[in-house]
N, C-alpha and C. Protein backbone atom coordinates (compact mmCIF):
# COMPACT_ATOMS: atom_id res chain seq x y z
N UNK A 1 18.42 3.45 18.18
CA UNK A 1 17.50 2.35 17.66
C UNK A 1 16.87 3.05 16.42
N UNK A 2 16.88 1.92 15.48
CA UNK A 2 16.38 2.27 13.94
C UNK A 2 14.91 2.19 13.92
N UNK A 3 14.49 3.36 13.41
CA UNK A 3 12.75 3.38 13.16
C UNK A 3 12.55 3.99 11.66
N UNK A 4 11.29 3.43 11.28
CA UNK A 4 10.96 3.79 9.85
C UNK A 4 9.52 3.93 10.17
N UNK A 5 8.97 5.09 10.03
CA UNK A 5 7.63 5.50 10.29
C UNK A 5 6.84 5.67 8.82
N UNK A 6 5.97 5.20 8.70
CA UNK A 6 5.08 5.38 7.32
C UNK A 6 4.06 6.32 7.52
N UNK A 7 3.49 7.25 6.57
CA UNK A 7 2.65 7.85 6.71
C UNK A 7 1.54 8.30 5.21
N UNK A 8 0.77 8.86 5.31
CA UNK A 8 0.24 9.03 4.23
C UNK A 8 -0.86 8.34 3.54
N UNK A 9 -1.13 7.25 4.01
CA UNK A 9 -2.10 6.25 3.59
C UNK A 9 -3.46 6.91 3.66
N UNK A 10 -4.58 5.94 3.34
CA UNK A 10 -6.16 6.53 3.37
C UNK A 10 -6.87 5.70 2.30
N UNK A 11 -7.94 6.11 2.14
CA UNK A 11 -8.90 5.83 1.26
C UNK A 11 -9.22 6.87 0.06
N UNK A 12 -9.18 6.20 -0.93
CA UNK A 12 -9.30 7.20 -2.28
C UNK A 12 -9.93 6.46 -3.37
N UNK A 13 -10.89 7.45 -4.30
CA UNK A 13 -11.23 6.42 -5.49
C UNK A 13 -10.51 5.99 -6.38
N UNK A 14 -10.53 5.30 -7.33
CA UNK A 14 -10.04 4.70 -8.32
C UNK A 14 -9.71 5.85 -9.34
N UNK A 15 -8.49 5.98 -9.70
CA UNK A 15 -7.91 7.19 -10.54
C UNK A 15 -7.43 8.19 -9.82
N UNK A 16 -7.59 8.38 -8.60
CA UNK A 16 -6.85 9.27 -7.73
C UNK A 16 -5.41 9.30 -7.20
N UNK A 17 -4.96 9.63 -6.26
CA UNK A 17 -3.53 10.02 -6.33
C UNK A 17 -3.31 9.92 -4.61
N UNK A 18 -2.27 9.33 -4.24
CA UNK A 18 -1.89 9.61 -2.75
C UNK A 18 -0.31 9.65 -2.73
N UNK A 19 0.20 10.24 -1.68
CA UNK A 19 1.59 10.23 -1.28
C UNK A 19 1.94 9.75 -0.26
N UNK A 20 2.91 8.55 -0.08
CA UNK A 20 3.30 8.16 0.93
C UNK A 20 4.61 8.67 1.32
N UNK A 21 5.13 9.00 2.68
CA UNK A 21 6.36 9.24 3.26
C UNK A 21 6.41 8.39 4.30
N UNK A 22 8.09 8.07 4.10
CA UNK A 22 8.90 7.25 5.19
C UNK A 22 9.76 8.12 6.16
N UNK A 23 9.82 8.28 7.28
CA UNK A 23 11.00 9.06 7.97
C UNK A 23 11.70 8.12 8.70
N UNK A 24 12.84 8.05 8.30
CA UNK A 24 13.86 7.23 9.11
C UNK A 24 14.78 8.00 10.17
N UNK A 25 14.89 7.39 11.46
CA UNK A 25 15.80 7.61 12.31
C UNK A 25 16.58 6.44 13.00
N UNK A 26 17.76 7.00 13.57
CA UNK A 26 18.50 6.06 14.26
C UNK A 26 19.72 5.62 13.31
N UNK A 27 19.90 6.11 12.13
CA UNK A 27 20.88 5.52 11.03
C UNK A 27 21.47 6.51 9.96
N UNK A 28 22.26 6.31 9.48
CA UNK A 28 22.71 7.23 8.25
C UNK A 28 21.99 6.52 6.92
N UNK A 29 20.64 6.74 6.53
CA UNK A 29 20.02 6.28 5.44
C UNK A 29 20.37 6.54 4.17
N UNK A 30 21.45 7.67 4.17
CA UNK A 30 22.01 8.01 2.89
C UNK A 30 22.79 6.84 2.48
N UNK A 31 23.43 5.73 3.12
CA UNK A 31 24.25 4.88 2.98
C UNK A 31 23.07 3.57 2.33
N UNK A 32 22.18 3.59 2.38
CA UNK A 32 21.15 2.48 2.22
C UNK A 32 20.31 2.53 1.06
N UNK A 33 20.08 1.64 0.28
CA UNK A 33 18.85 1.51 -0.45
C UNK A 33 17.76 1.59 0.29
N UNK A 34 16.71 1.95 -0.15
CA UNK A 34 15.41 2.19 0.45
C UNK A 34 14.30 1.70 -0.63
N UNK A 35 13.30 1.22 0.15
CA UNK A 35 12.17 0.60 -1.03
C UNK A 35 10.77 0.69 -0.12
N UNK A 36 10.11 0.43 -1.16
CA UNK A 36 8.33 0.06 -0.83
C UNK A 36 7.97 -1.28 -1.07
N UNK A 37 7.38 -1.81 -0.21
CA UNK A 37 6.80 -2.96 -0.46
C UNK A 37 5.25 -3.05 0.14
N UNK A 38 4.37 -3.88 -0.51
CA UNK A 38 3.04 -3.79 -0.21
C UNK A 38 2.54 -5.17 0.07
N UNK A 39 1.23 -5.38 0.90
CA UNK A 39 0.80 -6.67 1.47
C UNK A 39 -0.59 -6.35 1.43
N UNK A 40 -1.35 -7.16 0.52
CA UNK A 40 -3.04 -7.27 0.50
C UNK A 40 -3.41 -8.39 1.23
N UNK A 41 -4.60 -8.46 1.96
CA UNK A 41 -4.95 -9.12 2.47
C UNK A 41 -5.02 -10.86 1.91
N UNK A 42 -4.50 -11.79 2.54
CA UNK A 42 -4.26 -13.05 2.01
C UNK A 42 -3.03 -13.32 0.89
N UNK A 43 -2.31 -12.32 0.74
CA UNK A 43 -1.68 -12.27 0.06
C UNK A 43 -0.04 -12.17 0.76
N UNK A 44 1.20 -12.54 -0.19
CA UNK A 44 2.42 -12.29 0.36
C UNK A 44 2.84 -10.92 0.13
N UNK A 45 3.56 -10.90 0.83
CA UNK A 45 4.42 -9.17 0.68
C UNK A 45 5.01 -9.18 -0.64
N UNK A 46 5.00 -7.86 -1.25
CA UNK A 46 5.76 -7.94 -2.73
C UNK A 46 6.39 -6.57 -3.14
N UNK A 47 7.17 -7.28 -3.70
CA UNK A 47 7.78 -5.66 -4.02
C UNK A 47 7.09 -4.61 -5.01
N UNK A 48 7.35 -3.23 -4.50
CA UNK A 48 6.88 -1.86 -5.40
C UNK A 48 7.59 -1.14 -5.91
N UNK A 49 8.70 -0.77 -5.24
CA UNK A 49 9.88 -0.02 -5.96
C UNK A 49 10.89 0.41 -4.94
N UNK A 50 12.20 0.52 -5.79
CA UNK A 50 13.41 0.79 -4.64
C UNK A 50 14.14 1.86 -5.08
N UNK A 51 15.00 2.55 -4.63
CA UNK A 51 15.58 3.29 -4.97
C UNK A 51 17.25 3.39 -4.46
N UNK A 52 17.98 3.43 -5.13
CA UNK A 52 19.43 2.73 -4.63
C UNK A 52 20.15 3.94 -3.82
N UNK A 53 21.19 3.96 -3.17
CA UNK A 53 21.90 4.90 -2.71
C UNK A 53 22.33 6.50 -3.77
N UNK A 54 22.86 5.87 -5.19
CA UNK A 54 22.68 6.73 -5.81
C UNK A 54 21.84 7.20 -6.54
N UNK A 55 20.40 6.93 -6.34
CA UNK A 55 19.44 7.36 -6.80
C UNK A 55 18.52 6.71 -7.97
N UNK A 56 19.45 5.62 -8.24
CA UNK A 56 18.67 4.92 -9.59
C UNK A 56 17.34 4.18 -8.87
N UNK A 57 16.31 4.09 -9.85
CA UNK A 57 15.01 3.54 -9.47
C UNK A 57 14.41 2.31 -10.09
N UNK A 58 14.11 1.54 -9.46
CA UNK A 58 13.22 0.17 -9.69
C UNK A 58 12.15 0.07 -9.50
N UNK A 59 11.17 -0.16 -10.63
CA UNK A 59 9.78 -0.17 -10.02
C UNK A 59 9.23 -1.47 -10.46
N UNK A 60 7.95 -2.34 -9.70
CA UNK A 60 7.40 -3.35 -10.09
C UNK A 60 6.78 -3.09 -11.50
N UNK A 61 6.52 -4.08 -12.43
CA UNK A 61 5.85 -3.81 -13.82
C UNK A 61 4.27 -3.21 -13.59
N UNK A 62 3.91 -3.74 -12.49
CA UNK A 62 2.54 -3.46 -11.71
C UNK A 62 2.11 -1.89 -11.74
N UNK A 63 2.98 -1.24 -11.26
CA UNK A 63 2.89 0.10 -11.00
C UNK A 63 3.61 0.94 -11.71
N UNK A 64 4.39 0.59 -12.75
CA UNK A 64 5.53 1.41 -13.52
C UNK A 64 4.88 2.52 -14.22
N UNK A 65 5.08 3.54 -14.38
CA UNK A 65 4.36 4.65 -15.06
C UNK A 65 3.26 5.18 -14.28
N UNK A 66 3.10 4.72 -13.22
CA UNK A 66 2.04 5.36 -12.12
C UNK A 66 2.61 5.71 -10.85
N UNK A 67 3.34 4.96 -10.29
CA UNK A 67 4.08 5.19 -8.75
C UNK A 67 5.51 6.10 -9.14
N UNK A 68 5.88 6.83 -8.30
CA UNK A 68 7.34 7.45 -8.55
C UNK A 68 7.86 7.49 -7.00
N UNK A 69 9.09 6.84 -7.15
CA UNK A 69 9.83 6.56 -5.74
C UNK A 69 10.84 7.59 -5.55
N UNK A 70 10.99 8.26 -4.43
CA UNK A 70 12.10 9.55 -4.25
C UNK A 70 12.69 9.35 -2.89
N UNK A 71 13.67 10.18 -2.82
CA UNK A 71 14.31 10.27 -1.46
C UNK A 71 14.96 11.73 -1.36
N UNK A 72 14.96 12.04 0.20
CA UNK A 72 15.43 13.27 0.56
C UNK A 72 16.37 12.76 1.65
N UNK A 73 17.57 12.73 1.36
CA UNK A 73 18.60 12.40 2.02
C UNK A 73 18.81 13.46 3.18
N UNK A 74 18.99 14.77 2.98
CA UNK A 74 18.90 15.42 4.11
C UNK A 74 17.93 15.52 5.17
N UNK A 75 16.73 14.93 4.85
CA UNK A 75 15.49 14.68 5.75
C UNK A 75 15.18 13.23 6.07
N UNK A 76 15.76 12.25 5.62
CA UNK A 76 16.08 11.01 6.01
C UNK A 76 14.60 10.55 5.59
N UNK A 77 14.03 10.95 4.41
CA UNK A 77 12.65 10.79 4.30
C UNK A 77 12.55 10.11 2.46
N UNK A 78 11.60 9.13 2.83
CA UNK A 78 11.60 8.31 1.54
C UNK A 78 10.13 8.51 1.23
N UNK A 79 9.94 8.75 -0.34
CA UNK A 79 8.30 9.14 -0.81
C UNK A 79 7.82 8.24 -1.76
N UNK A 80 6.58 8.10 -1.98
CA UNK A 80 6.05 7.28 -2.71
C UNK A 80 5.09 7.87 -3.45
N UNK A 81 5.29 8.70 -4.65
CA UNK A 81 4.05 8.96 -5.01
C UNK A 81 3.07 8.26 -6.02
N UNK A 82 2.16 8.20 -5.48
CA UNK A 82 1.09 6.96 -6.36
C UNK A 82 -0.03 7.76 -7.07
N UNK A 83 0.03 7.54 -8.24
CA UNK A 83 -1.12 8.14 -9.45
C UNK A 83 -2.03 7.20 -9.91
N UNK A 84 -2.96 7.63 -10.53
CA UNK A 84 -3.73 6.32 -11.33
C UNK A 84 -4.05 5.19 -10.35
N UNK A 85 -4.55 5.57 -9.13
CA UNK A 85 -4.64 4.22 -8.66
C UNK A 85 -5.88 3.55 -8.89
N UNK A 86 -5.59 2.09 -8.67
CA UNK A 86 -6.29 1.00 -8.87
C UNK A 86 -7.16 0.23 -7.74
N UNK A 87 -8.00 -0.38 -7.74
CA UNK A 87 -8.54 -1.10 -6.33
C UNK A 87 -7.34 -2.18 -6.28
N UNK A 88 -6.75 -2.70 -7.07
CA UNK A 88 -5.74 -3.65 -6.87
C UNK A 88 -4.61 -3.19 -6.19
N UNK A 89 -4.45 -1.90 -6.05
CA UNK A 89 -3.22 -1.34 -5.30
C UNK A 89 -3.84 -1.43 -3.98
N UNK A 90 -4.56 -1.87 -3.50
CA UNK A 90 -5.20 -1.53 -2.07
C UNK A 90 -4.21 -2.76 -1.12
N UNK A 91 -3.92 -2.32 -0.15
CA UNK A 91 -2.76 -2.87 0.41
C UNK A 91 -2.32 -2.18 1.94
N UNK A 92 -1.36 -3.20 2.93
CA UNK A 92 -1.04 -2.01 3.67
C UNK A 92 0.62 -2.11 2.84
N UNK A 93 1.13 -0.83 2.97
CA UNK A 93 2.54 -0.16 2.50
C UNK A 93 3.53 -0.18 3.49
N UNK A 94 4.52 -0.72 2.82
CA UNK A 94 5.65 -0.76 3.84
C UNK A 94 6.78 -0.11 3.49
N UNK A 95 7.87 0.62 4.23
CA UNK A 95 8.91 1.00 3.69
C UNK A 95 10.11 0.00 4.43
N UNK A 96 11.09 -0.28 3.60
CA UNK A 96 12.30 -0.80 4.02
C UNK A 96 13.68 0.08 3.80
N UNK A 97 14.66 -0.46 4.33
CA UNK A 97 15.95 -0.02 4.33
C UNK A 97 17.02 -1.26 4.51
N UNK A 98 18.01 -0.85 3.42
CA UNK A 98 19.07 -1.97 4.07
C UNK A 98 20.28 -1.46 3.22
N UNK A 99 21.58 -1.94 3.61
CA UNK A 99 22.48 -1.37 2.87
C UNK A 99 23.37 -2.43 1.79
N UNK A 100 22.63 -3.73 1.47
CA UNK A 100 22.97 -4.30 0.78
C UNK A 100 22.30 -4.17 -0.49
N UNK A 101 22.77 -4.38 -1.90
CA UNK A 101 22.23 -4.16 -3.09
C UNK A 101 21.64 -5.53 -3.79
N UNK A 102 21.97 -6.72 -3.12
CA UNK A 102 21.42 -8.04 -3.53
C UNK A 102 20.01 -8.36 -3.22
N UNK A 103 19.40 -7.66 -2.54
CA UNK A 103 17.92 -7.84 -1.51
C UNK A 103 16.91 -6.98 -2.24
N UNK A 104 17.06 -6.40 -3.28
CA UNK A 104 15.98 -5.25 -3.77
C UNK A 104 14.72 -6.03 -4.00
N UNK A 105 14.43 -7.39 -4.66
CA UNK A 105 13.12 -7.60 -4.94
C UNK A 105 12.90 -8.57 -3.98
N UNK A 106 13.60 -8.84 -3.02
CA UNK A 106 13.12 -9.91 -1.88
C UNK A 106 12.71 -9.57 -0.83
N UNK A 107 12.01 -9.83 0.12
CA UNK A 107 11.54 -9.57 1.59
C UNK A 107 12.63 -9.65 2.62
N UNK A 108 13.97 -9.83 2.42
CA UNK A 108 14.82 -10.06 3.11
C UNK A 108 15.58 -8.92 3.88
N UNK A 109 15.02 -7.53 3.74
CA UNK A 109 15.39 -6.36 3.98
C UNK A 109 15.60 -6.14 5.85
N UNK A 110 16.53 -5.47 6.05
CA UNK A 110 16.57 -5.54 7.38
C UNK A 110 15.79 -4.79 8.35
N UNK A 111 15.50 -3.40 7.94
CA UNK A 111 15.12 -2.62 8.33
C UNK A 111 13.15 -2.60 7.86
N UNK A 112 12.47 -2.28 8.52
CA UNK A 112 11.12 -2.38 8.15
C UNK A 112 10.31 -1.14 9.12
N UNK A 113 9.11 -0.91 8.34
CA UNK A 113 8.40 0.27 9.20
C UNK A 113 7.12 -0.72 9.18
N UNK A 114 6.04 0.08 10.28
CA UNK A 114 5.01 -0.52 10.69
C UNK A 114 3.84 -0.78 9.71
N UNK A 115 3.86 0.10 8.80
CA UNK A 115 2.95 0.05 7.48
C UNK A 115 1.80 1.17 7.46
N UNK A 116 1.47 1.35 6.30
CA UNK A 116 0.47 2.65 6.30
C UNK A 116 -0.51 1.92 5.45
N UNK A 117 -1.98 1.96 5.61
CA UNK A 117 -2.93 1.26 5.04
C UNK A 117 -3.34 2.19 3.64
N UNK A 118 -3.46 1.41 2.61
CA UNK A 118 -3.97 2.10 1.51
C UNK A 118 -5.24 1.45 0.49
N UNK A 119 -6.18 2.06 0.79
CA UNK A 119 -7.56 1.61 0.15
C UNK A 119 -7.97 2.38 -0.94
N UNK A 120 -8.17 1.88 -1.97
CA UNK A 120 -8.70 2.15 -3.50
C UNK A 120 -9.98 1.91 -3.67
N UNK A 121 -11.01 2.52 -3.93
CA UNK A 121 -12.59 2.06 -4.03
C UNK A 121 -12.47 1.95 -5.37
N UNK A 122 -13.67 1.36 -5.95
CA UNK A 122 -13.75 1.19 -7.64
C UNK A 122 -15.28 2.33 -7.58
């Protein structure tokens, strides 16, 4: 059974930092791209960042320079370091995994976690 479990969310003031983790099990995730998405109330789920099998990273323009995605294949763990947080970063953050390279910026990923809430106060 494939599972993705996120943690690290919480309440933080604007300008602060949080580090999200996603632990994967039930599959060899070193063969997958892994990504972070977020969904704010009343909005569609949107792309945040992705890291390919080879370690290449892509970030949304809205988080570029503030968020850093990384992975530790030995621990089957995906990370998202979030710095200089803004109130508009408030959302539920989801990690995802998929073997396909064509779906990076879509929400068509096969495997999803349950999400972790990030709230940034002004």
